[in-house]
């Protein structure tokens, strides 16, 4: 009897799982289709689900990317700076390059549903390929460098939540664009690495910002010179993680960790392909680092998603990936209000007319990484959602 019940339930669950797989825009489709999942049962003969001799475990369905709508969007752009602003739990977007308007210096916030343009009294000059990070010790957003209309910047700006204020530190990195910058929670300081300098050569310099001044660091080991790498703080092991970027003559696929004293290369047999200007962010729900997109070293656009567990890379196979255009210079932010990762970018659609001619249509877009939750059943429990 138990065998027959198990078989019937397995068939029903498989069908329901298939139904949900066809409805990725509704992560609750499975639960809504099977209301028993939301109920609490008392084990007994009247409840056939509890007469199973062993637990049933349903495999976790695939993660998927989903486009979200917003009534207002920033004008289309690429190579902008996009970070989380923890005091307001919003995403902050600054500058970038527009194919129609050129370099930008507008400033936007995103609360999970609405984009709002900010109008501080002062703003850094228009630029692309700047780096931006939040400094919780000094409660300010730090912006450095980038490419401007008259050359490459080497300036430092702070946003205090109300206005941008240019800094004039005694020491500073040279002008550069495409550097990597993140706040190191363990050592409580901003770390800046690499970038393309005004000489046309990538750098492997490492600098730290203490809220007042920049200081160049000289650890025993350093990653090779590069620009367009991504860097993120990984609280699972209290280190800063760096991946990829472009050297002078090739794109890179190496992984490095900064432990507060030295850079140590991490060897992972399986890893993302070489790429530049990809997005990377720590996901506190997964307790893993997520990597998405980038500019490829081949003709194949990398719309793949990867996770770093502190020791190795694993590809996260997702359904409904964002369009190719989202991958180029993708910016990732974990937004607590949505409890998920968002990627912002501009997409350039190639639209072909019947007569064979074509034109390009550029527009802003934002996607979120949604995760189905594991649904399981045990003898003493009702169906539960984790």
Protein backbone atom coordinates (compact mmCIF):
# COMPACT_ATOMS: atom_id res chain seq x y z
CA UNK A 1 0.00 0.00 0.00
CA UNK A 2 2.76 2.44 0.99
CA UNK A 3 4.56 1.67 -2.25
CA UNK A 4 1.46 2.57 -4.27
CA UNK A 5 0.98 5.81 -2.35
CA UNK A 6 4.62 6.77 -2.87
CA UNK A 7 4.33 6.06 -6.58
CA UNK A 8 1.13 8.12 -6.96
CA UNK A 9 2.55 11.03 -4.99
CA UNK A 10 5.78 10.96 -6.97
CA UNK A 11 3.81 11.22 -10.22
CA UNK A 12 1.65 14.09 -8.88
CA UNK A 13 4.68 15.98 -7.55
CA UNK A 14 6.54 15.52 -10.84
CA UNK A 15 3.57 16.93 -12.76
CA UNK A 16 3.30 19.89 -10.43
CA UNK A 17 7.02 20.55 -10.70
CA UNK A 18 6.68 20.50 -14.49
CA UNK A 19 3.81 22.99 -14.30
CA UNK A 20 5.92 25.34 -12.25
CA UNK A 21 8.86 25.01 -14.60
CA UNK A 22 6.58 26.32 -17.33
CA UNK A 23 5.65 29.30 -15.14
CA UNK A 24 8.99 30.84 -14.07
CA UNK A 25 7.42 34.26 -13.66
CA UNK A 26 5.43 32.90 -10.71
CA UNK A 27 7.75 31.26 -8.14
CA UNK A 28 4.73 30.38 -5.99
CA UNK A 29 2.94 28.49 -8.78
CA UNK A 30 3.90 25.15 -7.24
CA UNK A 31 2.67 26.08 -3.78
CA UNK A 32 -0.51 27.67 -5.09
CA UNK A 33 -1.28 24.61 -7.21
CA UNK A 34 -0.82 22.31 -4.23
CA UNK A 35 -2.46 24.07 -1.22
CA UNK A 36 -1.50 21.21 1.09
CA UNK A 37 1.98 22.67 1.06
CA UNK A 38 0.77 25.65 3.06
CA UNK A 39 -1.14 23.64 5.68
CA UNK A 40 -0.14 21.95 8.91
CA UNK A 41 -1.31 18.36 9.34
CA UNK A 42 -1.63 16.02 12.27
CA UNK A 43 -0.23 12.62 11.38
CA UNK A 44 -2.92 9.96 11.28
CA UNK A 45 -4.64 7.36 9.16
CA UNK A 46 -6.91 9.99 7.64
CA UNK A 47 -3.92 11.77 6.17
CA UNK A 48 -2.49 9.58 3.45
CA UNK A 49 0.49 11.88 3.02
CA UNK A 50 1.72 10.81 6.43
CA UNK A 51 1.45 7.10 5.73
CA UNK A 52 4.61 7.19 3.63
CA UNK A 53 7.35 5.00 5.01
CA UNK A 54 10.12 7.47 4.10
CA UNK A 55 10.47 11.20 3.39
CA UNK A 56 10.01 12.58 -0.09
CA UNK A 57 12.53 15.20 -1.19
CA UNK A 58 11.85 17.36 -4.22
CA UNK A 59 14.95 18.63 -6.08
CA UNK A 60 15.44 22.39 -6.08
CA UNK A 61 14.14 23.84 -9.35
CA UNK A 62 16.55 26.02 -11.33
CA UNK A 63 17.19 29.66 -10.55
CA UNK A 64 16.12 32.14 -13.17
CA UNK A 65 16.59 35.76 -14.17
CA UNK A 66 13.45 37.86 -14.45
CA UNK A 67 12.97 41.33 -15.89
CA UNK A 68 11.20 43.77 -13.58
CA UNK A 69 9.19 46.79 -14.64
CA UNK A 70 9.62 50.32 -13.33
CA UNK A 71 7.52 53.32 -14.36
CA UNK A 72 10.66 55.49 -14.46
CA UNK A 73 14.08 54.39 -15.70
CA UNK A 74 17.39 56.26 -15.95
CA UNK A 75 18.33 57.18 -19.53
CA UNK A 76 20.18 54.33 -21.31
CA UNK A 77 23.89 54.09 -20.55
CA UNK A 78 26.84 51.78 -20.14
CA UNK A 79 29.98 51.84 -17.97
CA UNK A 80 28.15 53.47 -15.04
CA UNK A 81 28.91 52.97 -11.34
CA UNK A 82 26.18 51.12 -9.43
CA UNK A 83 26.37 50.14 -5.74
CA UNK A 84 24.23 49.44 -2.67
CA UNK A 85 23.72 52.37 -0.28
CA UNK A 86 23.08 50.59 3.05
CA UNK A 87 21.76 53.60 5.02
CA UNK A 88 18.73 53.72 2.71
CA UNK A 89 18.89 50.12 1.39
CA UNK A 90 18.79 51.52 -2.13
CA UNK A 91 20.91 51.13 -5.21
CA UNK A 92 22.87 54.21 -6.29
CA UNK A 93 23.72 54.78 -9.96
CA UNK A 94 26.17 57.45 -11.14
CA UNK A 95 27.32 58.58 -14.57
CA UNK A 96 28.25 56.35 -17.47
CA UNK A 97 28.21 56.75 -21.22
CA UNK A 98 25.21 57.20 -23.49
CA UNK A 99 25.42 56.70 -27.25
CA UNK A 100 23.09 59.67 -27.70
CA UNK A 101 24.12 62.04 -24.89
CA UNK A 102 27.78 61.15 -24.37
CA UNK A 103 29.27 61.10 -20.87
CA UNK A 104 26.85 61.53 -17.98
CA UNK A 105 26.97 62.74 -14.38
CA UNK A 106 23.36 62.23 -13.34
CA UNK A 107 22.68 60.44 -10.07
CA UNK A 108 19.83 57.97 -9.39
CA UNK A 109 18.54 55.79 -6.56
CA UNK A 110 16.52 52.57 -6.87
CA UNK A 111 14.38 51.33 -3.97
CA UNK A 112 13.39 48.00 -5.49
CA UNK A 113 10.52 49.32 -7.57
CA UNK A 114 11.01 53.02 -8.36
CA UNK A 115 13.97 54.90 -9.80
CA UNK A 116 14.36 58.46 -8.45
CA UNK A 117 16.78 61.03 -9.84
CA UNK A 118 18.77 62.79 -7.13
CA UNK A 119 19.80 66.44 -7.45
CA UNK A 120 22.65 67.23 -5.04
CA UNK A 121 24.01 70.78 -5.06
CA UNK A 122 27.40 69.53 -6.29
CA UNK A 123 28.33 66.60 -8.51
CA UNK A 124 31.50 65.10 -9.96
CA UNK A 125 32.08 65.95 -13.64
CA UNK A 126 30.57 63.61 -16.23
CA UNK A 127 32.48 60.36 -16.62
CA UNK A 128 32.38 56.63 -17.36
CA UNK A 129 34.35 53.71 -15.91
CA UNK A 130 34.62 55.30 -12.46
CA UNK A 131 34.61 53.14 -9.32
CA UNK A 132 32.32 53.66 -6.36
CA UNK A 133 32.02 51.98 -2.95
CA UNK A 134 30.26 52.66 0.35
CA UNK A 135 32.43 53.33 3.41
CA UNK A 136 30.38 52.45 6.54
CA UNK A 137 33.07 53.71 8.92
CA UNK A 138 32.76 57.24 7.57
CA UNK A 139 29.14 56.85 6.38
CA UNK A 140 29.97 58.04 2.88
CA UNK A 141 30.08 56.87 -0.72
CA UNK A 142 33.57 57.08 -2.25
CA UNK A 143 34.01 57.70 -5.98
CA UNK A 144 37.35 57.63 -7.78
CA UNK A 145 38.64 58.16 -11.31
CA UNK A 146 37.04 57.36 -14.63
CA UNK A 147 37.14 58.65 -18.20
CA UNK A 148 36.02 62.23 -18.87
CA UNK A 149 35.61 64.49 -21.86
CA UNK A 150 39.08 65.93 -21.37
CA UNK A 151 40.95 62.82 -20.32
CA UNK A 152 41.26 60.42 -17.41
CA UNK A 153 40.33 61.45 -13.87
CA UNK A 154 42.34 60.89 -10.70
CA UNK A 155 39.98 62.71 -8.34
CA UNK A 156 38.25 61.51 -5.18
CA UNK A 157 34.69 62.46 -4.23
CA UNK A 158 32.54 61.65 -1.19
CA UNK A 159 28.73 61.56 -1.07
CA UNK A 160 27.48 62.11 2.49
CA UNK A 161 23.86 61.27 1.75
CA UNK A 162 23.02 64.82 0.73
CA UNK A 163 25.82 66.26 -1.40
CA UNK A 164 29.00 65.35 -3.26
CA UNK A 165 32.20 66.85 -1.81
CA UNK A 166 35.51 66.72 -3.67
CA UNK A 167 38.45 65.57 -1.54
CA UNK A 168 42.03 66.81 -1.75
CA UNK A 169 44.09 64.07 -0.09
CA UNK A 170 47.83 64.43 0.40
CA UNK A 171 48.40 61.14 -1.44
CA UNK A 172 46.35 59.67 -4.27
CA UNK A 173 46.48 57.01 -6.98
CA UNK A 174 47.34 58.35 -10.42
CA UNK A 175 44.52 59.01 -12.87
CA UNK A 176 42.93 55.78 -14.10
CA UNK A 177 39.70 54.16 -15.25
CA UNK A 178 38.30 50.66 -14.89
CA UNK A 179 39.89 50.06 -11.49
CA UNK A 180 38.31 47.78 -8.86
CA UNK A 181 37.21 49.11 -5.49
CA UNK A 182 35.45 47.63 -2.43
CA UNK A 183 35.18 48.17 1.30
CA UNK A 184 37.15 45.58 3.32
CA UNK A 185 34.94 44.92 6.37
CA UNK A 186 37.67 43.01 8.19
CA UNK A 187 40.24 45.81 8.02
CA UNK A 188 37.66 48.62 7.84
CA UNK A 189 39.10 50.39 4.82
CA UNK A 190 38.43 50.97 1.14
CA UNK A 191 40.66 48.94 -1.20
CA UNK A 192 41.39 50.05 -4.76
CA UNK A 193 43.23 47.78 -7.18
CA UNK A 194 44.51 48.10 -10.75
CA UNK A 195 42.89 50.10 -13.53
CA UNK A 196 44.03 51.51 -16.86
CA UNK A 197 46.35 54.46 -16.31
CA UNK A 198 46.94 57.55 -18.40
CA UNK A 199 50.04 55.93 -19.90
CA UNK A 200 47.84 53.37 -21.62
CA UNK A 201 49.14 50.53 -19.44
CA UNK A 202 47.13 48.56 -16.87
CA UNK A 203 48.26 48.80 -13.26
CA UNK A 204 48.57 46.33 -10.40
CA UNK A 205 48.91 48.95 -7.71
CA UNK A 206 46.95 48.52 -4.50
CA UNK A 207 45.74 51.53 -2.53
CA UNK A 208 43.70 51.94 0.66
CA UNK A 209 41.47 54.88 1.69
CA UNK A 210 41.02 55.65 5.39
CA UNK A 211 38.42 58.38 5.00
CA UNK A 212 40.99 61.17 4.69
CA UNK A 213 43.95 59.97 2.68
CA UNK A 214 45.08 57.34 0.18
CA UNK A 215 48.00 55.06 0.96
CA UNK A 216 49.74 52.70 -1.47
CA UNK A 217 50.22 49.18 -0.15
CA UNK A 218 53.12 46.88 -0.98
CA UNK A 219 52.21 43.28 -0.05
CA UNK A 220 54.59 40.43 -0.91
CA UNK A 221 52.25 39.17 -3.64
CA UNK A 222 49.99 41.07 -6.01
CA UNK A 223 47.72 39.97 -8.87
CA UNK A 224 49.12 40.88 -12.27
CA UNK A 225 48.34 44.28 -13.82
CA UNK A 226 44.78 44.56 -15.15
CA UNK A 227 41.73 46.73 -15.59
CA UNK A 228 38.03 45.84 -15.66
CA UNK A 229 38.33 43.18 -12.93
CA UNK A 230 35.60 42.73 -10.32
CA UNK A 231 36.22 42.75 -6.60
CA UNK A 232 33.89 41.96 -3.69
CA UNK A 233 34.14 41.43 0.06
CA UNK A 234 33.34 37.85 1.11
CA UNK A 235 32.28 37.74 4.79
CA UNK A 236 32.25 33.94 4.88
CA UNK A 237 36.04 33.99 5.21
CA UNK A 238 36.67 37.69 5.89
CA UNK A 239 38.55 38.27 2.65
CA UNK A 240 38.35 40.34 -0.52
CA UNK A 241 37.81 38.33 -3.72
CA UNK A 242 39.06 39.47 -7.15
CA UNK A 243 38.33 37.80 -10.49
CA UNK A 244 39.33 38.37 -14.11
CA UNK A 245 39.84 41.61 -15.98
CA UNK A 246 42.07 42.54 -18.91
CA UNK A 247 45.84 42.58 -19.03
CA UNK A 248 47.70 44.51 -21.72
CA UNK A 249 47.32 41.73 -24.28
CA UNK A 250 44.72 39.25 -22.97
CA UNK A 251 41.69 38.79 -20.77
CA UNK A 252 42.11 36.91 -17.52
CA UNK A 253 40.28 34.16 -15.61
CA UNK A 254 42.27 34.02 -12.38
CA UNK A 255 40.89 34.32 -8.85
CA UNK A 256 42.67 36.03 -5.95
CA UNK A 257 41.91 36.59 -2.26
CA UNK A 258 43.19 39.41 -0.05
CA UNK A 259 43.45 38.20 3.54
CA UNK A 260 44.45 41.55 5.02
CA UNK A 261 48.16 40.84 4.69
CA UNK A 262 48.75 39.31 1.28
CA UNK A 263 47.14 38.35 -2.01
CA UNK A 264 46.81 34.58 -2.51
CA UNK A 265 45.81 33.07 -5.85
CA UNK A 266 42.94 30.59 -5.61
CA UNK A 267 43.06 27.60 -7.96
CA UNK A 268 39.70 26.33 -9.20
CA UNK A 269 39.71 23.75 -11.98
CA UNK A 270 36.24 24.83 -12.99
CA UNK A 271 35.90 28.59 -13.37
CA UNK A 272 34.31 31.28 -15.54
CA UNK A 273 35.83 31.99 -18.94
CA UNK A 274 38.13 35.02 -19.26
CA UNK A 275 36.16 38.27 -19.19
CA UNK A 276 36.25 41.97 -18.37
CA UNK A 277 33.79 44.35 -16.67
CA UNK A 278 31.59 41.58 -15.29
CA UNK A 279 29.34 41.97 -12.29
CA UNK A 280 30.13 40.36 -8.94
CA UNK A 281 28.36 40.65 -5.56
CA UNK A 282 28.00 38.76 -2.28
CA UNK A 283 24.59 37.17 -1.70
CA UNK A 284 23.94 36.91 2.09
CA UNK A 285 21.04 34.50 1.57
CA UNK A 286 23.15 31.99 -0.32
CA UNK A 287 26.29 32.94 1.63
CA UNK A 288 28.10 32.87 -1.71
CA UNK A 289 29.54 35.30 -4.24
CA UNK A 290 27.58 35.62 -7.50
CA UNK A 291 29.22 36.52 -10.83
CA UNK A 292 27.34 37.44 -14.00
CA UNK A 293 28.13 38.56 -17.55
CA UNK A 294 31.05 40.66 -18.70
CA UNK A 295 32.79 41.49 -21.95
CA UNK A 296 34.06 38.24 -23.50
CA UNK A 297 37.39 37.30 -25.00
CA UNK A 298 35.50 35.49 -27.78
CA UNK A 299 32.44 36.19 -29.90
CA UNK A 300 30.26 34.32 -27.40
CA UNK A 301 28.57 36.77 -25.03
CA UNK A 302 28.83 35.44 -21.43
CA UNK A 303 25.29 35.52 -20.06
CA UNK A 304 26.28 32.76 -17.64
CA UNK A 305 25.99 32.97 -13.85
CA UNK A 306 28.57 31.57 -11.41
CA UNK A 307 28.84 31.11 -7.64
CA UNK A 308 31.96 31.13 -5.45
CA UNK A 309 31.65 29.18 -2.20
CA UNK A 310 34.93 30.36 -0.68
CA UNK A 311 37.00 27.61 -2.31
CA UNK A 312 35.83 27.00 -5.87
CA UNK A 313 33.61 28.22 -8.70
CA UNK A 314 30.42 26.42 -9.79
CA UNK A 315 28.22 27.45 -12.68
CA UNK A 316 24.66 28.27 -11.67
CA UNK A 317 22.48 27.05 -14.51
CA UNK A 318 19.61 29.47 -14.86
CA UNK A 319 16.56 29.64 -17.05
CA UNK A 320 15.40 32.80 -18.76
CA UNK A 321 18.77 34.55 -18.82
CA UNK A 322 18.89 38.29 -19.52
CA UNK A 323 19.53 39.31 -23.15
CA UNK A 324 23.11 39.46 -24.40
CA UNK A 325 23.22 43.23 -24.00
CA UNK A 326 22.78 42.97 -20.24
CA UNK A 327 26.07 41.11 -19.93
CA UNK A 328 28.31 43.85 -21.31
CA UNK A 329 29.65 45.74 -18.31
CA UNK A 330 26.94 44.33 -16.03
CA UNK A 331 26.56 45.88 -12.58
CA UNK A 332 25.28 43.64 -9.76
CA UNK A 333 23.82 44.81 -6.44
CA UNK A 334 22.19 42.79 -3.67
CA UNK A 335 19.07 44.72 -2.65
CA UNK A 336 17.82 43.77 0.85
CA UNK A 337 14.29 45.03 0.23
CA UNK A 338 13.92 42.46 -2.57
CA UNK A 339 16.17 39.88 -0.90
CA UNK A 340 17.71 39.22 -4.27
CA UNK A 341 20.39 40.35 -6.70
CA UNK A 342 19.62 42.92 -9.35
CA UNK A 343 21.57 43.64 -12.51
CA UNK A 344 21.32 47.01 -14.22
CA UNK A 345 22.50 47.81 -17.71
CA UNK A 346 21.39 49.27 -21.00
CA UNK A 347 20.45 47.06 -23.92
CA UNK A 348 20.99 47.93 -27.55
CA UNK A 349 18.50 46.02 -29.67
CA UNK A 350 19.26 45.42 -33.33
CA UNK A 351 15.95 45.91 -35.12
CA UNK A 352 15.76 44.69 -38.72
CA UNK A 353 13.24 46.16 -41.11
CA UNK A 354 11.48 44.12 -43.83
CA UNK A 355 13.61 45.70 -46.57
CA UNK A 356 16.74 44.38 -44.90
CA UNK A 357 17.88 47.64 -43.33
CA UNK A 358 18.35 47.78 -39.56
CA UNK A 359 18.82 50.25 -36.75
CA UNK A 360 19.70 50.11 -33.08
CA UNK A 361 17.31 50.92 -30.23
CA UNK A 362 18.91 51.57 -26.84
CA UNK A 363 17.00 51.33 -23.57
CA UNK A 364 17.63 50.79 -19.87
CA UNK A 365 16.76 47.47 -18.29
CA UNK A 366 16.88 45.83 -14.86
CA UNK A 367 16.64 42.14 -13.97
CA UNK A 368 16.52 40.18 -10.73
CA UNK A 369 17.87 36.73 -9.92
CA UNK A 370 15.01 34.69 -8.46
CA UNK A 371 15.49 31.42 -6.58
CA UNK A 372 12.89 28.72 -6.16
CA UNK A 373 12.81 27.40 -2.61
CA UNK A 374 13.32 23.77 -1.75
CA UNK A 375 10.04 22.07 -0.85
CA UNK A 376 10.31 18.89 1.17
CA UNK A 377 8.20 16.45 3.15
CA UNK A 378 9.06 14.46 6.22
CA UNK A 379 7.08 11.89 8.21
CA UNK A 380 6.61 14.08 11.31
CA UNK A 381 6.30 17.38 9.44
CA UNK A 382 3.84 18.80 7.02
CA UNK A 383 5.13 20.06 3.71
CA UNK A 384 7.46 22.95 4.45
CA UNK A 385 9.13 25.69 2.46
CA UNK A 386 12.72 26.66 3.07
